Amino acid sequence: MNAYAASDRERMILSYHYLCKRGARKFLRSDMERGDLEQVAAVALIKACDRYDGSLPTPFEAYAWISIVGELMNHLRARKRAANHVLPQTSSCAIRNVTERIAFQRAIASLSQTQRRIIGGIYAHGLAQTAIAAQLSISARHVARLHRRALAALHHHLEI
């Protein structure tokens, strides 16, 4: 738990709640409710408030945004896995999934090798940015910058 008092925590959550709405808009799909995504993002914001250490060189807004995006991506992955295990796929769904997978692979291939390692470390292996920084022999701040750029490149390439 961080050193913030309860009132400071509430103020931070209210001040940065717009990130939840922005994240929900970015990850909104036709088969889901925006409110559900905002709730997932809000939980991530609360967790970010509780975990944030003021001594970090990363500004809270960037830290919270990364947490929100990660939580939304995990939510979408979990939804997709659940749907794949419960519902039989029709041929049109299978084709769409293959098309999306190919588009995602192309988007990932457009990243630099370092950016791919960062994205893979964070989202596939659940590593912290500090652990990735140690593996790559670069600063955690640089990992955060490369992560942000990689997400922007993926967003642009996939037009999310």
Foldseek 3Di string as FASTA:
>chain_A
DEPDDPVVLVVQLVVQLVLLQVLLVLLDDPVDDSVVSSVQLSVLLSVLSVPDYPVDPDDSNLSSNVSSNLSSVVVVVVVVVVCPVPPPDDPVRVVVVVVVVVLLVVLLVVADPLLNLLCCCCRVVVDDLCVSCVVVVHDSVVSSVSPVVSVVSSCVSVVD
